[in-house]
Amino acid sequence: MTTETVFVQLCKGINGLDKVVLREVRGSSAEVYLYGGQVTSWKNDHGEELLFVSSKAPFKPPKAIRGGIPICFPQFGSHGLLEQHGFARNRFWSIDPDPPPFPTTSSNKAFVDLILKHSEEDTKIWPHRYEFRLRVTLGPGGDLMLTSRIRNTNTDGKAFTFTFAYHNYFSVSDISEVRIEGLETMDFLDNLQDRQRFTEQGDAITFESEVDKVYFSTPTKIAILDHEKKRTFVLRKDGLPDAVVWNPWDKKAKAIPDLGDDEYKHMLCVEAAAVEKPITLKPGEEWKGRQEISAVPSSYFSGQLDPKKVLQSSS
């Protein structure tokens, strides 16, 4: 048995679905289901789960898995003609045995490369050929990185356009104890008010009712502070200018069949996205979008009077 098997293991998950378990030497771990190419677990070195997955998530295709990090492609939300959030999250991905080199400065061993290509079924609803490569990496310090490369492989000379999001479901102690920093003064579309455009007014985003907003041209770094757990999630993103913030609150949660009535209290979606300006690729062109999430003690931010300075620091 080689030491490599410590870092990456293919095994069976819920309902016999294939999953890849990534482990780092300090004890952090992540799980990625080939169904949806979806991260469903991310634990720190204390074994604490950092992502939210609904207790009612069925893990039965063709239904998407409620929680973790669904991939929204080639459409985010209902901003188009396809089903909600596109079809990538309810397709079976395969492990890419021979991925193109990913430029990296570190020697991470806990990673998996997945690939999704067009099928006859997909081309009926979205008439394009594409190649979607996803690398999921667990860093030595427990950081979770997702890198997507999408290439237009059309042979008919046609360009295609898509929107995209990493639909991150973060696990939080209590939604009313959470705040988001980094989106102050940003413009956003409010999906609860007919997609009207507004400008964020508060010093930080806090939660006391349903929220469904798409923020535009956002910073590359956003912080989610969980006061009760004294934990801060730091989301860094590249190639994904927008950010989506969503929590269904009580009434909407009761109407979602694969979400427990009170589970909205323990989840928050903050998503790295490209929504406002859809991405267009000509044949042969490739787009890359990346996010990195880390969980740090909230003391990391204490004493900082200006959250902007924290978010713009290189740390």
Protein backbone atom coordinates (compact mmCIF):
# COMPACT_ATOMS: atom_id res chain seq x y z
CA MET A 1 0.00 0.00 0.00
CA THR A 2 1.49 3.33 -1.03
CA THR A 3 1.26 6.50 1.01
CA GLU A 4 -0.78 8.00 -1.85
CA THR A 5 -3.85 6.03 -0.76
CA VAL A 6 -3.92 8.02 2.48
CA PHE A 7 -4.79 11.16 0.55
CA VAL A 8 -7.33 9.93 -2.03
CA GLN A 9 -9.76 7.04 -1.71
CA LEU A 10 -12.59 5.99 -4.03
CA CYS A 11 -15.43 4.28 -2.16
CA LYS A 12 -19.20 3.91 -1.97
CA GLY A 13 -21.33 6.57 -0.36
CA ILE A 14 -25.03 6.90 0.42
CA ASN A 15 -27.27 4.63 -1.69
CA GLY A 16 -24.18 3.06 -3.25
CA LEU A 17 -23.18 6.22 -5.11
CA ASP A 18 -19.45 6.52 -5.83
CA LYS A 19 -17.56 9.12 -3.85
CA VAL A 20 -13.94 10.20 -3.45
CA VAL A 21 -12.62 10.90 0.05
CA LEU A 22 -9.72 13.34 0.34
CA ARG A 23 -7.66 13.36 3.53
CA GLU A 24 -4.81 15.51 4.75
CA VAL A 25 -2.17 14.44 7.26
CA ARG A 26 -3.35 16.87 9.94
CA GLY A 27 -6.82 15.32 9.93
CA SER A 28 -8.96 17.47 7.65
CA SER A 29 -11.06 15.71 5.02
CA ALA A 30 -13.47 16.27 2.13
CA GLU A 31 -15.88 14.04 0.23
CA VAL A 32 -16.79 14.45 -3.43
CA TYR A 33 -19.63 12.51 -5.07
CA LEU A 34 -19.21 11.66 -8.73
CA TYR A 35 -22.93 12.33 -8.99
CA GLY A 36 -23.00 16.07 -9.59
CA GLY A 37 -19.23 16.39 -9.18
CA GLN A 38 -20.37 17.61 -5.79
CA VAL A 39 -18.45 18.20 -2.59
CA THR A 40 -20.74 16.97 0.21
CA SER A 41 -18.42 17.13 3.21
CA TRP A 42 -15.53 19.27 4.37
CA LYS A 43 -14.20 18.71 7.87
CA ASN A 44 -11.46 20.49 9.77
CA ASP A 45 -8.71 18.72 11.68
CA HIS A 46 -11.02 18.44 14.71
CA GLY A 47 -13.51 16.49 12.60
CA GLU A 48 -16.09 19.31 12.64
CA GLU A 49 -18.30 19.48 9.54
CA LEU A 50 -18.01 22.86 7.82
CA LEU A 51 -20.58 22.37 5.05
CA PHE A 52 -24.33 21.94 5.43
CA VAL A 53 -26.15 19.00 3.87
CA SER A 54 -29.88 18.62 4.50
CA SER A 55 -30.96 15.66 6.61
CA LYS A 56 -33.63 15.16 3.94
CA ALA A 57 -31.24 15.16 0.95
CA PRO A 58 -32.28 12.00 -0.93
CA PHE A 59 -28.96 11.15 -2.70
CA LYS A 60 -31.11 9.62 -5.43
CA PRO A 61 -30.56 10.63 -9.07
CA PRO A 62 -31.94 12.49 -10.93
CA LYS A 63 -32.66 14.74 -7.91
CA ALA A 64 -29.86 17.16 -7.06
CA ILE A 65 -28.20 16.79 -3.65
CA ARG A 66 -29.38 19.51 -1.25
CA GLY A 67 -26.25 20.90 0.36
CA GLY A 68 -22.48 20.80 0.08
CA ILE A 69 -21.24 22.57 -3.06
CA PRO A 70 -23.50 21.97 -6.08
CA ILE A 71 -22.08 23.15 -9.42
CA CYS A 72 -24.45 25.46 -11.30
CA PHE A 73 -23.70 25.10 -15.04
CA PRO A 74 -24.51 26.05 -17.78
CA GLN A 75 -27.11 28.21 -16.06
CA PHE A 76 -27.37 29.81 -12.66
CA GLY A 77 -30.83 29.91 -11.07
CA SER A 78 -33.70 30.48 -13.44
CA HIS A 79 -31.76 33.07 -15.48
CA GLY A 80 -32.35 31.22 -18.76
CA LEU A 81 -34.30 28.48 -20.51
CA LEU A 82 -32.84 25.43 -18.74
CA GLU A 83 -33.91 23.76 -15.51
CA GLN A 84 -33.04 25.59 -12.29
CA HIS A 85 -29.23 25.83 -11.95
CA GLY A 86 -28.58 23.86 -15.17
CA PHE A 87 -27.77 20.16 -15.45
CA ALA A 88 -24.17 19.66 -14.23
CA ARG A 89 -25.32 19.03 -10.65
CA ASN A 90 -27.43 16.03 -11.64
CA ARG A 91 -25.10 14.30 -14.07
CA PHE A 92 -22.59 11.57 -13.35
CA TRP A 93 -19.03 12.85 -13.66
CA SER A 94 -16.03 10.61 -14.21
CA ILE A 95 -12.57 10.68 -12.70
CA ASP A 96 -10.11 12.16 -15.18
CA PRO A 97 -7.09 9.81 -15.20
CA ASP A 98 -4.93 12.11 -17.32
CA PRO A 99 -5.77 15.73 -16.55
CA PRO A 100 -3.90 18.63 -18.13
CA PRO A 101 -1.36 20.14 -15.75
CA PHE A 102 -2.77 22.61 -13.27
CA PRO A 103 -0.25 25.36 -12.52
CA THR A 104 0.41 25.13 -8.81
CA THR A 105 3.21 26.08 -6.48
CA SER A 106 2.42 23.54 -3.78
CA SER A 107 2.73 19.79 -3.60
CA ASN A 108 -0.85 19.02 -2.60
CA LYS A 109 -1.54 15.31 -2.77
CA ALA A 110 -5.18 15.32 -1.64
CA PHE A 111 -6.94 16.18 -4.88
CA VAL A 112 -9.16 14.62 -7.51
CA ASP A 113 -9.78 15.62 -11.13
CA LEU A 114 -13.29 15.09 -12.47
CA ILE A 115 -14.58 15.56 -15.98
CA LEU A 116 -18.02 16.06 -17.50
CA LYS A 117 -18.66 16.10 -21.25
CA HIS A 118 -21.75 16.67 -23.36
CA SER A 119 -24.10 13.77 -23.94
CA GLU A 120 -26.77 13.23 -26.58
CA GLU A 121 -29.33 13.85 -23.85
CA ASP A 122 -27.78 17.21 -22.96
CA THR A 123 -27.40 18.42 -26.53
CA LYS A 124 -31.19 18.15 -26.96
CA ILE A 125 -31.69 20.83 -24.31
CA TRP A 126 -28.40 22.72 -24.73
CA PRO A 127 -27.04 22.14 -28.25
CA HIS A 128 -23.33 22.50 -27.56
CA ARG A 129 -20.30 20.31 -27.08
CA TYR A 130 -18.20 21.11 -24.04
CA GLU A 131 -15.58 19.70 -21.72
CA PHE A 132 -15.81 20.62 -18.03
CA ARG A 133 -12.81 19.72 -15.88
CA LEU A 134 -13.07 20.17 -12.12
CA ARG A 135 -10.21 19.81 -9.67
CA VAL A 136 -11.10 19.53 -5.98
CA THR A 137 -8.09 19.98 -3.69
CA LEU A 138 -7.72 19.76 0.07
CA GLY A 139 -4.71 21.84 1.13
CA PRO A 140 -2.29 20.84 3.90
CA GLY A 141 -3.87 23.45 6.19
CA GLY A 142 -7.38 22.16 5.48
CA ASP A 143 -8.33 24.77 2.88
CA LEU A 144 -10.72 23.54 0.19
CA MET A 145 -10.06 24.61 -3.41
CA LEU A 146 -12.26 24.08 -6.46
CA THR A 147 -10.94 24.91 -9.92
CA SER A 148 -13.21 24.66 -12.97
CA ARG A 149 -12.03 24.70 -16.57
CA ILE A 150 -14.73 24.79 -19.23
CA ARG A 151 -13.84 24.44 -22.90
CA ASN A 152 -15.99 24.86 -25.99
CA THR A 153 -15.49 21.71 -28.11
CA ASN A 154 -18.13 22.55 -30.71
CA THR A 155 -17.22 21.36 -34.21
CA ASP A 156 -19.82 23.54 -35.94
CA GLY A 157 -17.96 26.78 -35.28
CA LYS A 158 -20.59 28.06 -32.82
CA ALA A 159 -19.81 29.97 -29.67
CA PHE A 160 -21.81 29.28 -26.51
CA THR A 161 -22.72 31.35 -23.48
CA PHE A 162 -23.23 30.25 -19.89
CA THR A 163 -23.62 31.45 -16.31
CA PHE A 164 -22.02 29.67 -13.39
CA ALA A 165 -21.88 29.35 -9.60
CA TYR A 166 -20.30 27.29 -6.85
CA HIS A 167 -23.44 26.97 -4.69
CA ASN A 168 -21.68 26.79 -1.31
CA TYR A 169 -23.81 25.72 1.65
CA PHE A 170 -21.92 26.70 4.80
CA SER A 171 -22.77 25.13 8.16
CA VAL A 172 -23.45 27.84 10.76
CA SER A 173 -24.44 27.71 14.42
CA ASP A 174 -27.43 30.06 14.09
CA ILE A 175 -28.22 32.18 11.04
CA SER A 176 -29.21 35.13 13.28
CA GLU A 177 -25.66 35.11 14.74
CA VAL A 178 -23.89 35.32 11.39
CA ARG A 179 -22.66 38.28 9.39
CA ILE A 180 -20.98 38.68 6.02
CA GLU A 181 -18.23 41.23 5.45
CA GLY A 182 -16.89 42.32 2.07
CA LEU A 183 -20.13 43.09 0.23
CA GLU A 184 -20.75 46.55 1.73
CA THR A 185 -21.69 49.24 -0.83
CA MET A 186 -22.06 46.60 -3.58
CA ASP A 187 -24.89 46.67 -6.11
CA PHE A 188 -27.19 43.66 -6.07
CA LEU A 189 -30.27 42.18 -7.69
CA ASP A 190 -32.96 41.24 -5.19
CA ASN A 191 -34.72 38.08 -6.37
CA LEU A 192 -37.44 38.71 -3.76
CA GLN A 193 -38.26 42.08 -5.36
CA ASP A 194 -38.60 41.22 -9.06
CA ARG A 195 -34.83 41.33 -9.58
CA GLN A 196 -34.70 45.05 -8.97
CA ARG A 197 -31.25 46.55 -8.52
CA PHE A 198 -30.22 48.09 -5.19
CA THR A 199 -27.04 49.11 -3.38
CA GLU A 200 -26.08 47.44 -0.10
CA GLN A 201 -26.31 49.99 2.71
CA GLY A 202 -25.25 48.23 5.90
CA ASP A 203 -21.78 47.84 7.39
CA ALA A 204 -22.19 44.05 7.15
CA ILE A 205 -24.92 41.71 6.02
CA THR A 206 -26.93 40.13 8.86
CA PHE A 207 -30.00 37.90 8.74
CA GLU A 208 -33.49 38.28 10.16
CA SER A 209 -35.62 37.16 7.19
CA GLU A 210 -35.38 35.44 3.81
CA VAL A 211 -32.49 36.64 1.61
CA ASP A 212 -31.92 35.92 -2.10
CA LYS A 213 -29.50 38.39 -3.65
CA VAL A 214 -26.92 38.46 -6.44
CA TYR A 215 -24.10 40.94 -5.78
CA PHE A 216 -22.13 42.30 -8.75
CA SER A 217 -18.43 43.04 -9.26
CA THR A 218 -17.57 41.85 -5.78
CA PRO A 219 -14.14 41.72 -4.10
CA THR A 220 -12.06 38.59 -4.52
CA LYS A 221 -12.35 37.92 -0.78
CA ILE A 222 -15.52 37.63 1.34
CA ALA A 223 -15.73 36.73 5.05
CA ILE A 224 -18.58 34.91 6.81
CA LEU A 225 -18.36 35.40 10.57
CA ASP A 226 -20.11 32.92 12.88
CA HIS A 227 -20.10 34.57 16.32
CA GLU A 228 -21.37 31.57 18.26
CA LYS A 229 -18.78 29.17 16.86
CA LYS A 230 -16.07 31.87 16.90
CA ARG A 231 -15.31 30.77 13.35
CA THR A 232 -14.83 32.74 10.17
CA PHE A 233 -15.09 31.31 6.67
CA VAL A 234 -12.93 33.16 4.18
CA LEU A 235 -14.01 32.75 0.55
CA ARG A 236 -11.46 33.74 -2.09
CA LYS A 237 -12.43 33.63 -5.73
CA ASP A 238 -10.89 34.19 -9.12
CA GLY A 239 -12.70 34.53 -12.47
CA LEU A 240 -16.03 34.75 -10.59
CA PRO A 241 -16.94 38.43 -10.22
CA ASP A 242 -20.33 37.99 -8.58
CA ALA A 243 -21.53 36.58 -5.26
CA VAL A 244 -24.91 35.09 -4.35
CA VAL A 245 -26.29 35.18 -0.80
CA TRP A 246 -29.26 32.95 0.01
CA ASN A 247 -31.20 31.72 3.02
CA PRO A 248 -34.80 30.54 2.58
CA TRP A 249 -35.93 31.37 6.17
CA ASP A 250 -38.89 29.63 7.81
CA LYS A 251 -41.79 29.81 5.33
CA LYS A 252 -39.73 28.93 2.26
CA ALA A 253 -37.89 26.17 4.16
CA LYS A 254 -41.20 24.48 4.96
CA ALA A 255 -42.05 24.53 1.24
CA ILE A 256 -38.77 22.85 0.20
CA PRO A 257 -39.37 19.07 0.38
CA ASP A 258 -35.72 18.07 0.78
CA LEU A 259 -35.00 20.59 3.56
CA GLY A 260 -35.98 20.19 7.22
CA ASP A 261 -38.36 22.86 8.54
CA ASP A 262 -35.79 24.35 10.93
CA GLU A 263 -32.63 23.57 8.98
CA TYR A 264 -32.50 27.07 7.49
CA LYS A 265 -31.18 28.21 10.89
CA HIS A 266 -27.99 26.19 10.42
CA MET A 267 -27.15 26.96 6.79
CA LEU A 268 -26.06 29.92 4.72
CA CYS A 269 -25.32 29.97 1.01
CA VAL A 270 -22.60 32.36 -0.10
CA GLU A 271 -21.72 31.52 -3.67
CA ALA A 272 -18.89 32.49 -6.01
CA ALA A 273 -20.59 33.17 -9.33
CA ALA A 274 -20.55 34.63 -12.81
CA VAL A 275 -24.12 35.76 -13.42
CA GLU A 276 -24.41 39.41 -14.44
CA LYS A 277 -22.21 39.10 -17.53
CA PRO A 278 -22.57 35.62 -19.03
CA ILE A 279 -19.36 34.02 -20.28
CA THR A 280 -19.06 33.40 -24.01
CA LEU A 281 -16.57 30.90 -25.43
CA LYS A 282 -15.72 30.41 -29.08
CA PRO A 283 -14.75 26.89 -30.20
CA GLY A 284 -11.44 25.94 -28.61
CA GLU A 285 -11.61 28.67 -26.00
CA GLU A 286 -11.43 27.87 -22.29
CA TRP A 287 -12.71 29.63 -19.18
CA LYS A 288 -11.34 29.12 -15.69
CA GLY A 289 -13.07 29.88 -12.40
CA ARG A 290 -11.62 29.12 -9.00
CA GLN A 291 -12.58 29.38 -5.37
CA GLU A 292 -10.71 28.66 -2.16
CA ILE A 293 -12.43 28.46 1.20
CA SER A 294 -10.80 28.33 4.58
CA ALA A 295 -12.13 28.29 8.13
CA VAL A 296 -10.18 30.28 10.70
CA PRO A 297 -10.78 31.24 14.36
CA SER A 298 -12.72 34.51 14.47
CA SER A 299 -10.01 36.10 16.60
CA TYR A 300 -8.29 36.40 13.20
CA PHE A 301 -10.58 39.39 12.59
CA SER A 302 -10.78 40.80 16.12
CA GLY A 303 -9.59 44.34 16.74
CA GLN A 304 -10.01 45.31 13.11
CA LEU A 305 -12.18 48.41 12.93
CA ASP A 306 -12.23 48.42 9.17
CA PRO A 307 -13.27 45.05 7.67
CA LYS A 308 -12.20 46.35 4.25
CA LYS A 309 -8.56 46.35 5.39
CA VAL A 310 -8.85 42.78 6.61
CA LEU A 311 -10.44 41.62 3.40
CA GLN A 312 -7.83 43.33 1.24
CA SER A 313 -4.88 42.00 3.22
CA SER A 314 -2.81 39.30 1.62
CA SER A 315 -3.32 36.82 4.45
